[in-house]
C-alpha atoms as a PDB file:
ATOM      1  CA  MET A   1      31.314  29.096  -2.638  1.00  0.00           C
ATOM      2  CA  HIS A   2      30.946  25.575  -4.323  1.00  0.00           C
ATOM      3  CA  LEU A   3      27.800  23.463  -5.181  1.00  0.00           C
ATOM      4  CA  SER A   4      28.698  20.572  -3.279  1.00  0.00           C
ATOM      5  CA  TYR A   5      31.236  18.828  -1.413  1.00  0.00           C
ATOM      6  CA  PRO A   6      33.313  16.047  -3.607  1.00  0.00           C
ATOM      7  CA  PRO A   7      31.684  12.735  -3.638  1.00  0.00           C
ATOM      8  CA  LEU A   8      32.659  10.292  -0.717  1.00  0.00           C
ATOM      9  CA  ASP A   9      32.042   6.762   0.244  1.00  0.00           C
ATOM     10  CA  SER A  10      30.013   5.492   3.730  1.00  0.00           C
ATOM     11  CA  HIS A  11      32.634   4.142   5.940  1.00  0.00           C
ATOM     12  CA  ALA A  12      30.118   2.478   7.847  1.00  0.00           C
ATOM     13  CA  GLU A  13      26.626   0.765   7.087  1.00  0.00           C
ATOM     14  CA  GLY A  14      24.264  -1.590   8.908  1.00  0.00           C
ATOM     15  CA  MET A  15      20.331  -2.843   9.308  1.00  0.00           C
ATOM     16  CA  LEU A  16      19.032  -1.629  12.647  1.00  0.00           C
ATOM     17  CA  ASP A  17      16.060  -3.728  14.156  1.00  0.00           C
ATOM     18  CA  VAL A  18      13.455  -1.949  15.854  1.00  0.00           C
ATOM     19  CA  GLY A  19      11.006  -4.440  15.792  1.00  0.00           C
ATOM     20  CA  ASP A  20       7.694  -4.985  14.439  1.00  0.00           C
ATOM     21  CA  GLY A  21       9.234  -7.358  12.002  1.00  0.00           C
ATOM     22  CA  HIS A  22      10.680  -3.592  10.555  1.00  0.00           C
ATOM     23  CA  SER A  23      14.597  -3.131   9.861  1.00  0.00           C
ATOM     24  CA  VAL A  24      15.771  -0.103   8.734  1.00  0.00           C
ATOM     25  CA  TYR A  25      19.115   0.812   6.616  1.00  0.00           C
ATOM     26  CA  TRP A  26      21.850   3.574   7.458  1.00  0.00           C
ATOM     27  CA  GLU A  27      24.895   4.154   6.470  1.00  0.00           C
ATOM     28  CA  VAL A  28      28.039   7.225   8.023  1.00  0.00           C
ATOM     29  CA  SER A  29      30.169   8.899   5.914  1.00  0.00           C
ATOM     30  CA  GLY A  30      32.359  11.944   6.876  1.00  0.00           C
ATOM     31  CA  ASN A  31      34.605  11.801   9.700  1.00  0.00           C
ATOM     32  CA  PRO A  32      34.111   9.632  12.146  1.00  0.00           C
ATOM     33  CA  ASP A  33      35.281  11.941  15.457  1.00  0.00           C
ATOM     34  CA  GLY A  34      33.204  15.097  13.803  1.00  0.00           C
ATOM     35  CA  LYS A  35      29.862  16.430  14.434  1.00  0.00           C
ATOM     36  CA  PRO A  36      27.148  14.039  14.049  1.00  0.00           C
ATOM     37  CA  VAL A  37      24.245  14.968  11.613  1.00  0.00           C
ATOM     38  CA  VAL A  38      21.397  13.047  10.323  1.00  0.00           C
ATOM     39  CA  PHE A  39      20.120  13.283   6.905  1.00  0.00           C
ATOM     40  CA  VAL A  40      15.755  12.975   7.058  1.00  0.00           C
ATOM     41  CA  HIS A  41      14.642  12.145   3.690  1.00  0.00           C
ATOM     42  CA  GLY A  42      11.866  13.713   1.754  1.00  0.00           C
ATOM     43  CA  GLY A  43       8.669  11.443   0.195  1.00  0.00           C
ATOM     44  CA  PRO A  44       7.623   9.595   2.587  1.00  0.00           C
ATOM     45  CA  GLY A  45       9.381   6.604   1.288  1.00  0.00           C
ATOM     46  CA  GLY A  46      12.109   8.374  -1.381  1.00  0.00           C
ATOM     47  CA  GLY A  47      14.690   7.067   0.167  1.00  0.00           C
ATOM     48  CA  THR A  48      18.721   7.710   0.181  1.00  0.00           C
ATOM     49  CA  SER A  49      20.975   8.130  -2.229  1.00  0.00           C
ATOM     50  CA  PRO A  50      24.944   8.971  -2.366  1.00  0.00           C
ATOM     51  CA  GLN A  51      24.797  12.347  -3.297  1.00  0.00           C
ATOM     52  CA  GLN A  52      23.014  13.434  -0.138  1.00  0.00           C
ATOM     53  CA  ARG A  53      26.298  13.102   2.199  1.00  0.00           C
ATOM     54  CA  ARG A  54      28.009  15.652  -0.336  1.00  0.00           C
ATOM     55  CA  LEU A  55      25.483  18.258   2.070  1.00  0.00           C
ATOM     56  CA  PHE A  56      27.994  18.739   4.909  1.00  0.00           C
ATOM     57  CA  ASP A  57      31.641  19.119   5.196  1.00  0.00           C
ATOM     58  CA  PRO A  58      33.254  15.497   4.938  1.00  0.00           C
ATOM     59  CA  ALA A  59      35.989  16.564   7.465  1.00  0.00           C
ATOM     60  CA  ALA A  60      34.205  18.627   9.973  1.00  0.00           C
ATOM     61  CA  TYR A  61      30.748  16.467  10.697  1.00  0.00           C
ATOM     62  CA  ARG A  62      29.722  12.727  11.021  1.00  0.00           C
ATOM     63  CA  ILE A  63      26.905  12.291   8.363  1.00  0.00           C
ATOM     64  CA  VAL A  64      24.371   9.535   9.099  1.00  0.00           C
ATOM     65  CA  LEU A  65      21.927   8.823   6.279  1.00  0.00           C
ATOM     66  CA  PHE A  66      19.456   5.460   7.262  1.00  0.00           C
ATOM     67  CA  ASP A  67      15.904   4.309   4.849  1.00  0.00           C
ATOM     68  CA  GLN A  68      12.435   4.597   6.240  1.00  0.00           C
ATOM     69  CA  ARG A  69      10.282   1.795   6.988  1.00  0.00           C
ATOM     70  CA  GLY A  70       9.251   0.626   4.031  1.00  0.00           C
ATOM     71  CA  CYS A  71      11.134   2.072   1.236  1.00  0.00           C
ATOM     72  CA  GLY A  72      15.399   2.356   0.231  1.00  0.00           C
ATOM     73  CA  ARG A  73      17.610  -0.582   1.589  1.00  0.00           C
ATOM     74  CA  SER A  74      14.588  -0.825   4.798  1.00  0.00           C
ATOM     75  CA  VAL A  75      13.000  -3.886   5.304  1.00  0.00           C
ATOM     76  CA  PRO A  76      10.060  -5.236   4.218  1.00  0.00           C
ATOM     77  CA  HIS A  77       9.871  -3.120   1.055  1.00  0.00           C
ATOM     78  CA  VAL A  78       6.696  -1.423   0.368  1.00  0.00           C
ATOM     79  CA  ALA A  79       6.511  -3.509  -2.878  1.00  0.00           C
ATOM     80  CA  THR A  80       6.445  -6.505  -1.554  1.00  0.00           C
ATOM     81  CA  ARG A  81       3.802  -5.307   2.191  1.00  0.00           C
ATOM     82  CA  ASP A  82       1.423  -2.674   2.086  1.00  0.00           C
ATOM     83  CA  PRO A  83       2.577   0.162   4.696  1.00  0.00           C
ATOM     84  CA  ASP A  84       1.157  -1.493   8.135  1.00  0.00           C
ATOM     85  CA  GLU A  85      -0.099   0.298  11.637  1.00  0.00           C
ATOM     86  CA  HIS A  86       3.662  -0.028  12.846  1.00  0.00           C
ATOM     87  CA  ASN A  87       4.301   2.596  10.006  1.00  0.00           C
ATOM     88  CA  THR A  88       3.699   5.758  11.146  1.00  0.00           C
ATOM     89  CA  THR A  89       5.252   9.469  12.664  1.00  0.00           C
ATOM     90  CA  TRP A  90       5.938   8.335  15.757  1.00  0.00           C
ATOM     91  CA  HIS A  91       7.047   5.241  14.507  1.00  0.00           C
ATOM     92  CA  LEU A  92       9.596   6.936  12.300  1.00  0.00           C
ATOM     93  CA  VAL A  93      10.515   9.057  15.245  1.00  0.00           C
ATOM     94  CA  ALA A  94      11.234   6.427  17.364  1.00  0.00           C
ATOM     95  CA  ASP A  95      13.614   5.260  14.458  1.00  0.00           C
ATOM     96  CA  MET A  96      15.537   7.854  14.766  1.00  0.00           C
ATOM     97  CA  GLU A  97      16.101   7.514  18.853  1.00  0.00           C
ATOM     98  CA  ALA A  98      17.150   3.839  18.342  1.00  0.00           C
ATOM     99  CA  LEU A  99      19.580   4.982  15.700  1.00  0.00           C
ATOM    100  CA  ARG A 100      21.025   7.521  17.850  1.00  0.00           C
ATOM    101  CA  GLU A 101      21.310   5.353  20.059  1.00  0.00           C
ATOM    102  CA  HIS A 102      22.696   2.577  18.610  1.00  0.00           C
ATOM    103  CA  LEU A 103      25.240   5.087  17.198  1.00  0.00           C
ATOM    104  CA  GLY A 104      26.433   5.767  20.711  1.00  0.00           C
ATOM    105  CA  ILE A 105      25.345   9.622  19.638  1.00  0.00           C
ATOM    106  CA  GLU A 106      24.548  11.735  22.407  1.00  0.00           C
ATOM    107  CA  ARG A 107      23.341  15.142  20.753  1.00  0.00           C
ATOM    108  CA  TRP A 108      22.631  15.844  16.541  1.00  0.00           C
ATOM    109  CA  GLN A 109      21.953  17.783  13.973  1.00  0.00           C
ATOM    110  CA  LEU A 110      18.770  17.577  11.526  1.00  0.00           C
ATOM    111  CA  PHE A 111      18.370  18.393   8.080  1.00  0.00           C
ATOM    112  CA  GLY A 112      15.520  17.871   6.475  1.00  0.00           C
ATOM    113  CA  GLY A 113      13.602  18.925   3.481  1.00  0.00           C
ATOM    114  CA  SER A 114       9.614  18.778   2.559  1.00  0.00           C
ATOM    115  CA  TRP A 115       7.933  15.285   4.604  1.00  0.00           C
ATOM    116  CA  GLY A 116      12.121  15.827   6.020  1.00  0.00           C
ATOM    117  CA  ALA A 117      11.546  18.379   7.508  1.00  0.00           C
ATOM    118  CA  THR A 118       8.360  17.262   8.696  1.00  0.00           C
ATOM    119  CA  LEU A 119       9.926  14.257  10.467  1.00  0.00           C
ATOM    120  CA  ALA A 120      13.408  16.182  12.476  1.00  0.00           C
ATOM    121  CA  LEU A 121      10.246  18.651  13.681  1.00  0.00           C
ATOM    122  CA  ALA A 122       8.335  16.265  14.512  1.00  0.00           C
ATOM    123  CA  TYR A 123      11.483  14.239  16.263  1.00  0.00           C
ATOM    124  CA  ALA A 124      12.952  17.489  17.148  1.00  0.00           C
ATOM    125  CA  GLN A 125      10.036  18.283  19.419  1.00  0.00           C
ATOM    126  CA  THR A 126       9.674  15.110  21.115  1.00  0.00           C
ATOM    127  CA  HIS A 127      13.064  15.598  21.389  1.00  0.00           C
ATOM    128  CA  PRO A 128      14.851  18.347  21.775  1.00  0.00           C
ATOM    129  CA  GLU A 129      17.646  18.116  24.295  1.00  0.00           C
ATOM    130  CA  ARG A 130      19.070  15.098  21.424  1.00  0.00           C
ATOM    131  CA  VAL A 131      19.231  17.963  18.704  1.00  0.00           C
ATOM    132  CA  THR A 132      22.175  20.386  18.090  1.00  0.00           C
ATOM    133  CA  GLU A 133      21.161  22.608  15.590  1.00  0.00           C
ATOM    134  CA  ILE A 134      18.255  22.294  12.377  1.00  0.00           C
ATOM    135  CA  VAL A 135      18.417  23.069   9.246  1.00  0.00           C
ATOM    136  CA  LEU A 136      15.102  22.348   6.524  1.00  0.00           C
ATOM    137  CA  ARG A 137      14.149  23.042   3.473  1.00  0.00           C
ATOM    138  CA  GLY A 138      11.189  23.310   0.995  1.00  0.00           C
ATOM    139  CA  VAL A 139       9.434  23.226   4.180  1.00  0.00           C
ATOM    140  CA  PHE A 140       5.888  20.246   4.810  1.00  0.00           C
ATOM    141  CA  LEU A 141       4.076  20.538   8.096  1.00  0.00           C
ATOM    142  CA  LEU A 142       1.236  17.915   7.439  1.00  0.00           C
ATOM    143  CA  ARG A 143      -1.113  20.810   7.724  1.00  0.00           C
ATOM    144  CA  ARG A 144      -5.045  20.055   5.053  1.00  0.00           C
ATOM    145  CA  SER A 145      -4.721  23.746   3.160  1.00  0.00           C
ATOM    146  CA  GLU A 146      -1.059  21.861   2.248  1.00  0.00           C
ATOM    147  CA  LEU A 147      -2.849  18.580   0.868  1.00  0.00           C
ATOM    148  CA  ASP A 148      -5.348  20.401  -0.313  1.00  0.00           C
ATOM    149  CA  TRP A 149      -2.844  23.038  -2.456  1.00  0.00           C
ATOM    150  CA  LEU A 150      -1.187  19.867  -4.016  1.00  0.00           C
ATOM    151  CA  TYR A 151      -4.003  17.403  -4.214  1.00  0.00           C
ATOM    152  CA  ARG A 152      -7.183  18.710  -4.757  1.00  0.00           C
ATOM    153  CA  GLY A 153      -6.850  21.514  -6.889  1.00  0.00           C
ATOM    154  CA  GLY A 154      -4.323  24.188  -5.729  1.00  0.00           C
ATOM    155  CA  ALA A 155      -1.580  24.007  -7.988  1.00  0.00           C
ATOM    156  CA  GLY A 156      -3.499  23.275 -10.311  1.00  0.00           C
ATOM    157  CA  ALA A 157      -4.384  26.370 -11.319  1.00  0.00           C
ATOM    158  CA  LEU A 158      -0.465  26.494 -12.007  1.00  0.00           C
ATOM    159  CA  PHE A 159       0.146  22.827 -14.040  1.00  0.00           C
ATOM    160  CA  PRO A 160      -3.005  22.111 -15.670  1.00  0.00           C
ATOM    161  CA  ARG A 161      -2.090  19.997 -18.235  1.00  0.00           C
ATOM    162  CA  GLU A 162      -0.462  17.734 -15.678  1.00  0.00           C
ATOM    163  CA  TRP A 163      -2.907  18.755 -12.829  1.00  0.00           C
ATOM    164  CA  ALA A 164      -5.268  17.103 -15.682  1.00  0.00           C
ATOM    165  CA  ALA A 165      -3.257  14.285 -15.982  1.00  0.00           C
ATOM    166  CA  PHE A 166      -3.008  13.472 -12.061  1.00  0.00           C
ATOM    167  CA  ALA A 167      -6.574  13.856 -11.606  1.00  0.00           C
ATOM    168  CA  ALA A 168      -8.115  11.852 -14.410  1.00  0.00           C
ATOM    169  CA  GLN A 169      -6.951   8.266 -12.221  1.00  0.00           C
ATOM    170  CA  VAL A 170      -9.784   9.301 -10.430  1.00  0.00           C
ATOM    171  CA  PRO A 171     -12.060  11.257 -12.245  1.00  0.00           C
ATOM    172  CA  ASP A 172     -14.582  11.186  -8.741  1.00  0.00           C
ATOM    173  CA  GLY A 173     -14.352  11.960  -5.227  1.00  0.00           C
ATOM    174  CA  ASP A 174     -11.305  12.444  -3.859  1.00  0.00           C
ATOM    175  CA  VAL A 175      -7.839  11.924  -5.151  1.00  0.00           C
ATOM    176  CA  LEU A 176      -6.501  10.733  -1.970  1.00  0.00           C
ATOM    177  CA  ASP A 177      -8.817   8.181  -1.084  1.00  0.00           C
ATOM    178  CA  GLY A 178      -8.983   7.721  -4.797  1.00  0.00           C
ATOM    179  CA  TYR A 179      -5.483   7.146  -5.399  1.00  0.00           C
ATOM    180  CA  ARG A 180      -5.086   5.085  -2.287  1.00  0.00           C
ATOM    181  CA  ARG A 181      -8.067   3.030  -4.101  1.00  0.00           C
ATOM    182  CA  LEU A 182      -5.832   2.536  -7.294  1.00  0.00           C
ATOM    183  CA  LEU A 183      -3.348   1.734  -4.937  1.00  0.00           C
ATOM    184  CA  ASP A 184      -4.720  -0.850  -3.331  1.00  0.00           C
ATOM    185  CA  ASP A 185      -5.341  -2.843  -6.738  1.00  0.00           C
ATOM    186  CA  PRO A 186      -2.982  -5.381  -8.784  1.00  0.00           C
ATOM    187  CA  ALA A 187      -4.243  -4.731 -11.981  1.00  0.00           C
ATOM    188  CA  ARG A 188      -3.679  -0.890 -11.579  1.00  0.00           C
ATOM    189  CA  ALA A 189      -1.513  -0.087  -8.643  1.00  0.00           C
ATOM    190  CA  ALA A 190       1.881   0.885 -11.023  1.00  0.00           C
ATOM    191  CA  ASP A 191       0.081   2.509 -13.076  1.00  0.00           C
ATOM    192  CA  ALA A 192      -1.398   4.304 -10.174  1.00  0.00           C
ATOM    193  CA  ALA A 193       1.833   5.228  -8.927  1.00  0.00           C
ATOM    194  CA  ALA A 194       3.497   6.000 -11.962  1.00  0.00           C
ATOM    195  CA  ALA A 195       0.659   8.994 -12.367  1.00  0.00           C
ATOM    196  CA  TRP A 196       1.222   9.730  -8.326  1.00  0.00           C
ATOM    197  CA  SER A 197       4.677   9.997  -8.798  1.00  0.00           C
ATOM    198  CA  ASN A 198       4.743  12.006 -12.505  1.00  0.00           C
ATOM    199  CA  TRP A 199       3.170  15.082 -10.957  1.00  0.00           C
ATOM    200  CA  GLU A 200       5.012  15.446  -8.747  1.00  0.00           C
ATOM    201  CA  GLY A 201       8.393  14.782 -11.264  1.00  0.00           C
ATOM    202  CA  SER A 202       6.208  17.322 -13.164  1.00  0.00           C
ATOM    203  CA  ILE A 203       6.150  20.372 -10.562  1.00  0.00           C
ATOM    204  CA  VAL A 204       8.970  20.281  -8.650  1.00  0.00           C
ATOM    205  CA  SER A 205      10.971  21.904 -10.058  1.00  0.00           C
ATOM    206  CA  LEU A 206      10.942  26.148 -11.452  1.00  0.00           C
ATOM    207  CA  THR A 207      11.555  24.783 -14.728  1.00  0.00           C
ATOM    208  CA  PRO A 208      11.563  21.736 -16.869  1.00  0.00           C
ATOM    209  CA  ASN A 209      14.711  19.051 -15.082  1.00  0.00           C
ATOM    210  CA  PRO A 210      14.055  16.258 -17.110  1.00  0.00           C
ATOM    211  CA  GLY A 211      16.035  14.098 -15.219  1.00  0.00           C
ATOM    212  CA  LEU A 212      14.265  15.225 -11.751  1.00  0.00           C
ATOM    213  CA  ALA A 213      11.523  14.497 -14.199  1.00  0.00           C
ATOM    214  CA  ALA A 214      12.487  10.862 -14.893  1.00  0.00           C
ATOM    215  CA  THR A 215      14.202   9.942 -11.389  1.00  0.00           C
ATOM    216  CA  TYR A 216      10.463  10.203 -10.210  1.00  0.00           C
ATOM    217  CA  ALA A 217       8.780   7.882 -13.384  1.00  0.00           C
ATOM    218  CA  ASP A 218      11.177   5.495 -11.884  1.00  0.00           C
ATOM    219  CA  PRO A 219       8.897   2.703 -10.759  1.00  0.00           C
ATOM    220  CA  GLY A 220      11.540   1.594  -8.684  1.00  0.00           C
ATOM    221  CA  PHE A 221      10.801   4.838  -6.663  1.00  0.00           C
ATOM    222  CA  ALA A 222       7.138   5.457  -8.391  1.00  0.00           C
ATOM    223  CA  ILE A 223       5.442   2.823  -5.738  1.00  0.00           C
ATOM    224  CA  ALA A 224       7.352   3.764  -2.743  1.00  0.00           C
ATOM    225  CA  PHE A 225       6.873   7.145  -3.334  1.00  0.00           C
ATOM    226  CA  ALA A 226       2.920   7.167  -3.721  1.00  0.00           C
ATOM    227  CA  LYS A 227       2.255   4.197  -1.339  1.00  0.00           C
ATOM    228  CA  LEU A 228       4.062   5.700   1.492  1.00  0.00           C
ATOM    229  CA  ALA A 229       2.766   9.333   0.883  1.00  0.00           C
ATOM    230  CA  LEU A 230      -0.672   7.727   0.600  1.00  0.00           C
ATOM    231  CA  HIS A 231      -0.449   5.888   3.289  1.00  0.00           C
ATOM    232  CA  TYR A 232       0.805   8.692   6.051  1.00  0.00           C
ATOM    233  CA  PHE A 233      -1.589  12.016   3.813  1.00  0.00           C
ATOM    234  CA  THR A 234      -4.235  10.068   4.342  1.00  0.00           C
ATOM    235  CA  HIS A 235      -4.354   9.082   7.910  1.00  0.00           C
ATOM    236  CA  ALA A 236      -2.885  12.901   8.590  1.00  0.00           C
ATOM    237  CA  GLY A 237       0.819  11.830   8.845  1.00  0.00           C
ATOM    238  CA  TRP A 238      -0.957  11.374  12.668  1.00  0.00           C
ATOM    239  CA  LEU A 239      -0.684  14.670  13.746  1.00  0.00           C
ATOM    240  CA  ASP A 240      -3.393  16.477  14.815  1.00  0.00           C
ATOM    241  CA  GLU A 241      -4.063  19.235  12.917  1.00  0.00           C
ATOM    242  CA  GLY A 242      -1.059  22.264  12.459  1.00  0.00           C
ATOM    243  CA  GLN A 243       0.188  20.540  15.456  1.00  0.00           C
ATOM    244  CA  LEU A 244       3.620  20.931  14.359  1.00  0.00           C
ATOM    245  CA  ILE A 245       2.930  25.380  14.238  1.00  0.00           C
ATOM    246  CA  ARG A 246       1.719  24.683  17.856  1.00  0.00           C
ATOM    247  CA  ASP A 247       4.291  23.145  19.330  1.00  0.00           C
ATOM    248  CA  ALA A 248       7.363  24.784  18.082  1.00  0.00           C
ATOM    249  CA  GLY A 249       7.967  26.627  20.828  1.00  0.00           C
ATOM    250  CA  ARG A 250       9.994  23.385  22.194  1.00  0.00           C
ATOM    251  CA  LEU A 251      12.311  24.336  19.943  1.00  0.00           C
ATOM    252  CA  ALA A 252      13.135  27.307  21.698  1.00  0.00           C
ATOM    253  CA  GLY A 253      17.141  27.040  22.316  1.00  0.00           C
ATOM    254  CA  ILE A 254      17.857  25.374  18.573  1.00  0.00           C
ATOM    255  CA  PRO A 255      19.196  27.222  16.383  1.00  0.00           C
ATOM    256  CA  GLY A 256      17.164  26.668  12.697  1.00  0.00           C
ATOM    257  CA  ARG A 257      18.574  27.469   8.931  1.00  0.00           C
ATOM    258  CA  ILE A 258      15.334  27.633   6.773  1.00  0.00           C
ATOM    259  CA  VAL A 259      15.516  27.370   3.586  1.00  0.00           C
ATOM    260  CA  GLN A 260      12.735  27.877   0.788  1.00  0.00           C
ATOM    261  CA  GLY A 261      12.326  28.674  -2.718  1.00  0.00           C
ATOM    262  CA  ARG A 262      10.412  31.519  -3.397  1.00  0.00           C
ATOM    263  CA  TYR A 263       8.226  29.655  -6.275  1.00  0.00           C
ATOM    264  CA  ASP A 264       7.713  26.078  -4.345  1.00  0.00           C
ATOM    265  CA  VAL A 265       4.786  24.630  -5.747  1.00  0.00           C
ATOM    266  CA  VAL A 266       4.962  21.455  -4.400  1.00  0.00           C
ATOM    267  CA  CYS A 267       5.282  23.774  -0.571  1.00  0.00           C
ATOM    268  CA  PRO A 268       4.432  27.254  -1.247  1.00  0.00           C
ATOM    269  CA  PRO A 269       6.697  29.468   0.950  1.00  0.00           C
ATOM    270  CA  VAL A 270       3.930  30.200   3.535  1.00  0.00           C
ATOM    271  CA  THR A 271       4.196  27.332   5.624  1.00  0.00           C
ATOM    272  CA  ALA A 272       7.907  28.089   5.714  1.00  0.00           C
ATOM    273  CA  TRP A 273       6.750  31.345   6.601  1.00  0.00           C
ATOM    274  CA  ASP A 274       4.192  30.831   9.342  1.00  0.00           C
ATOM    275  CA  LEU A 275       7.358  27.717  10.371  1.00  0.00           C
ATOM    276  CA  HIS A 276       9.385  30.901  11.097  1.00  0.00           C
ATOM    277  CA  ARG A 277       7.091  32.739  12.859  1.00  0.00           C
ATOM    278  CA  ALA A 278       6.322  30.278  15.701  1.00  0.00           C
ATOM    279  CA  TRP A 279       9.829  29.535  15.916  1.00  0.00           C
ATOM    280  CA  PRO A 280      12.282  31.516  17.856  1.00  0.00           C
ATOM    281  CA  GLY A 281      15.474  30.914  16.990  1.00  0.00           C
ATOM    282  CA  SER A 282      14.937  29.769  13.466  1.00  0.00           C
ATOM    283  CA  ALA A 283      16.198  32.246  10.189  1.00  0.00           C
ATOM    284  CA  LEU A 284      14.474  32.062   6.740  1.00  0.00           C
ATOM    285  CA  THR A 285      16.146  32.536   3.511  1.00  0.00           C
ATOM    286  CA  ILE A 286      13.606  33.228   0.400  1.00  0.00           C
ATOM    287  CA  VAL A 287      15.847  32.420  -2.464  1.00  0.00           C
ATOM    288  CA  PRO A 288      14.471  34.090  -5.549  1.00  0.00           C
ATOM    289  CA  CYS A 289      14.878  32.041  -8.488  1.00  0.00           C
ATOM    290  CA  ALA A 290      13.895  29.114  -7.065  1.00  0.00           C
ATOM    291  CA  GLY A 291      10.961  26.065  -6.646  1.00  0.00           C
ATOM    292  CA  HIS A 292      10.962  22.917  -4.733  1.00  0.00           C
ATOM    293  CA  ALA A 293      14.087  20.855  -5.943  1.00  0.00           C
ATOM    294  CA  VAL A 294      17.047  20.848  -4.232  1.00  0.00           C
ATOM    295  CA  THR A 295      19.180  21.513  -7.455  1.00  0.00           C
ATOM    296  CA  ASP A 296      17.228  24.675  -8.562  1.00  0.00           C
ATOM    297  CA  THR A 297      19.703  27.520  -8.501  1.00  0.00           C
ATOM    298  CA  GLY A 298      19.881  29.049  -5.436  1.00  0.00           C
ATOM    299  CA  ILE A 299      19.195  26.042  -3.074  1.00  0.00           C
ATOM    300  CA  LEU A 300      22.204  24.304  -2.634  1.00  0.00           C
ATOM    301  CA  ASP A 301      24.672  27.276  -1.816  1.00  0.00           C
ATOM    302  CA  ALA A 302      22.065  28.134   0.857  1.00  0.00           C
ATOM    303  CA  LEU A 303      22.058  24.781   2.710  1.00  0.00           C
ATOM    304  CA  ILE A 304      25.428  24.256   1.641  1.00  0.00           C
ATOM    305  CA  ALA A 305      25.830  27.722   3.697  1.00  0.00           C
ATOM    306  CA  ALA A 306      23.609  26.498   6.382  1.00  0.00           C
ATOM    307  CA  THR A 307      25.559  23.422   7.536  1.00  0.00           C
ATOM    308  CA  ASP A 308      28.931  25.556   7.377  1.00  0.00           C
ATOM    309  CA  GLU A 309      28.150  27.827   9.921  1.00  0.00           C
ATOM    310  CA  PHE A 310      26.806  24.888  12.223  1.00  0.00           C
ATOM    311  CA  ARG A 311      30.310  23.186  11.702  1.00  0.00           C
ATOM    312  CA  GLY A 312      32.217  24.583  14.180  1.00  0.00           C
END
């Protein structure tokens, strides 16, 4: 099976005013008359890239990408203005619905990985009648146990050197609270953002991936990645504990494909398993020699198999 579809350009793009002083960037590629699918990027703050168009058959799909509030090409960017009270999970859900209406789409497929899985599920549980199918990768549900694993020492047992460098920025107190204070200090924000981003970049692949690590280390990426993650994670995503599992029954009738790396350190497989058990109509694929990164062995093949299955 091919690893991904060939590169393609967008044929439409724009800025959508979603209120509260925010405008989100959107683009469409593939078949203008094809089956609509929206790519929900991770992070929060990760933004979109042209490579993400290549997960879908361009002859079959009308491929929608958008940058969430505060990152990518959306404005205002968090590099120039800190996240505000108008940047929450539920604002992003409303932005997705506004974009669907703006593009004249009746129903669309959702595709999301990591934080993108969180947001895709929040949208689908709010607007199930607008969703045809869901494809998820590296599932993250923003439960306390998941934040504890990644940011309070759990994953550090597997990557002690990388954890030591990450935790050294906050020698006392809670890491999440400590990093948020660092990001609020102009004199330390750049170094703190780099350390935050480097932690995930160091553990995202099953084996070291210098190219991915360089992406996470890029200052232009790190500042949005760190600021928005801390904004969301210190507020628990404005979700009740376990809410996306609790409300998974709302997805009944929506076919789902979940692709999960066996050795995903960022989002351990138990989260995908919990979601699969709670979601009627979902199928879970555990990729045996993969971590969290979409580029890890077998992840792309499984994702494209899922989008091909649903292309109609």
